[in-house]
């Protein structure tokens, strides 16, 4: 399953956006309002839970300076990745696109597509306000 959020433009350099996203504690500010818990477990891992949803642990899987950050599920039970792709539009303007990629059976994909789409939308919207 592949889901993309609409790209958002930020009035910040690609380096500033990249550095913001590589500090995992900043993801707490990007979370939906119905967040119940958020905790940075180590420099590469954090966990969060939204009301009515199971707890999710994300681990930094890859980062390409100023271009891309890839977070993935810390568990192999539900393998997925969350990517942030950064593109310079102007010296102080960056476009960020978020995408979700996961391997799920048809029933699971149908159940989570709406919540994941909403989640990506919220992350994008809050990211545009930083």
Protein backbone atom coordinates (compact mmCIF):
# COMPACT_ATOMS: atom_id res chain seq x y z
CA UNK A 1 0.00 0.00 0.00
CA UNK A 2 1.33 3.41 -0.98
CA UNK A 3 -0.13 6.70 0.33
CA UNK A 4 1.22 10.20 -0.29
CA UNK A 5 0.29 13.48 1.32
CA UNK A 6 0.07 16.65 -0.71
CA UNK A 7 3.47 18.37 -0.72
CA UNK A 8 3.76 21.41 1.51
CA UNK A 9 6.03 24.41 1.10
CA UNK A 10 7.94 25.82 4.02
CA UNK A 11 9.75 29.13 4.15
CA UNK A 12 12.87 27.50 5.47
CA UNK A 13 16.02 26.17 3.86
CA UNK A 14 16.26 22.48 3.08
CA UNK A 15 18.98 22.19 5.74
CA UNK A 16 16.72 23.75 8.42
CA UNK A 17 13.83 21.41 7.56
CA UNK A 18 16.12 18.39 7.46
CA UNK A 19 17.64 19.23 10.84
CA UNK A 20 14.17 19.76 12.32
CA UNK A 21 12.98 16.35 11.10
CA UNK A 22 16.11 14.50 12.21
CA UNK A 23 15.48 15.58 15.82
CA UNK A 24 12.85 12.96 16.62
CA UNK A 25 11.52 14.87 19.63
CA UNK A 26 10.12 17.41 17.14
CA UNK A 27 7.65 14.82 15.85
CA UNK A 28 5.61 15.37 19.01
CA UNK A 29 4.70 18.83 17.67
CA UNK A 30 3.57 17.29 14.37
CA UNK A 31 1.29 14.67 15.90
CA UNK A 32 -2.52 14.87 15.73
CA UNK A 33 -4.32 16.51 18.63
CA UNK A 34 -5.63 13.14 19.84
CA UNK A 35 -2.15 11.94 20.82
CA UNK A 36 -2.10 10.05 24.11
CA UNK A 37 1.59 9.27 24.51
CA UNK A 38 4.85 10.30 22.90
CA UNK A 39 8.28 9.21 24.05
CA UNK A 40 11.74 9.30 22.49
CA UNK A 41 13.30 5.93 23.36
CA UNK A 42 16.78 6.58 21.96
CA UNK A 43 18.34 8.93 19.38
CA UNK A 44 16.85 6.86 16.52
CA UNK A 45 13.55 5.62 17.97
CA UNK A 46 10.30 7.03 19.32
CA UNK A 47 6.89 5.68 20.18
CA UNK A 48 3.48 7.25 20.17
CA UNK A 49 -0.13 6.30 20.62
CA UNK A 50 -3.24 8.04 19.37
CA UNK A 51 -6.62 7.58 21.05
CA UNK A 52 -8.26 4.41 19.84
CA UNK A 53 -5.14 3.19 18.01
CA UNK A 54 -2.38 0.77 19.04
CA UNK A 55 0.99 2.10 20.10
CA UNK A 56 3.46 2.56 17.23
CA UNK A 57 7.24 2.52 17.52
CA UNK A 58 9.16 4.23 14.70
CA UNK A 59 12.88 3.88 14.11
CA UNK A 60 15.09 5.96 11.86
CA UNK A 61 16.00 3.63 9.00
CA UNK A 62 17.83 5.97 6.65
CA UNK A 63 18.69 9.60 6.14
CA UNK A 64 20.26 11.33 3.18
CA UNK A 65 21.38 14.80 4.27
CA UNK A 66 19.02 17.52 3.13
CA UNK A 67 17.10 15.18 0.77
CA UNK A 68 15.27 12.43 2.62
CA UNK A 69 14.48 10.95 6.03
CA UNK A 70 13.04 7.44 6.31
CA UNK A 71 11.35 6.15 9.45
CA UNK A 72 10.12 2.60 9.70
CA UNK A 73 8.26 0.30 12.01
CA UNK A 74 10.54 -1.01 14.74
CA UNK A 75 8.64 -4.31 14.62
CA UNK A 76 8.45 -6.68 11.67
CA UNK A 77 4.83 -7.56 12.49
CA UNK A 78 3.50 -4.66 10.41
CA UNK A 79 6.31 -3.59 8.09
CA UNK A 80 5.99 -0.02 6.82
CA UNK A 81 8.01 3.11 6.19
CA UNK A 82 7.25 6.80 6.48
CA UNK A 83 9.38 8.96 4.18
CA UNK A 84 9.93 12.69 4.06
CA UNK A 85 11.35 13.91 0.75
CA UNK A 86 12.77 17.44 0.72
CA UNK A 87 13.15 19.52 -2.42
CA UNK A 88 14.59 23.01 -2.60
CA UNK A 89 12.22 25.39 -4.39
CA UNK A 90 14.24 28.54 -3.64
CA UNK A 91 17.15 29.30 -1.27
CA UNK A 92 14.79 29.77 1.69
CA UNK A 93 11.87 27.64 0.51
CA UNK A 94 11.54 23.88 0.72
CA UNK A 95 8.85 21.52 -0.50
CA UNK A 96 8.23 18.46 1.66
CA UNK A 97 6.34 15.39 0.53
CA UNK A 98 5.40 12.64 2.98
CA UNK A 99 4.72 9.10 1.86
CA UNK A 100 3.73 5.87 3.58
CA UNK A 101 4.63 2.45 2.19
CA UNK A 102 3.48 -0.78 3.82
CA UNK A 103 2.91 -4.43 3.11
CA UNK A 104 -0.52 -5.46 4.37
CA UNK A 105 -3.13 -7.98 3.44
CA UNK A 106 -6.22 -6.62 1.68
CA UNK A 107 -8.40 -6.58 4.80
CA UNK A 108 -5.80 -4.74 6.90
CA UNK A 109 -5.10 -2.29 4.07
CA UNK A 110 -8.79 -1.45 3.80
CA UNK A 111 -9.03 -0.84 7.56
CA UNK A 112 -5.99 1.41 7.89
CA UNK A 113 -6.04 3.38 4.63
CA UNK A 114 -8.33 6.14 5.97
CA UNK A 115 -6.56 6.62 9.32
CA UNK A 116 -3.11 6.60 7.67
CA UNK A 117 -4.23 9.12 5.03
CA UNK A 118 -5.59 11.40 7.78
CA UNK A 119 -2.40 10.95 9.82
CA UNK A 120 -0.19 11.97 6.87
CA UNK A 121 -2.45 14.95 6.21
CA UNK A 122 -2.10 16.11 9.81
CA UNK A 123 1.68 15.70 9.77
CA UNK A 124 1.88 17.75 6.55
CA UNK A 125 -0.44 20.45 7.83
CA UNK A 126 1.46 20.84 11.10
CA UNK A 127 4.79 20.70 9.31
CA UNK A 128 3.73 23.63 7.14
CA UNK A 129 3.24 25.67 10.33
CA UNK A 130 6.74 25.21 11.76
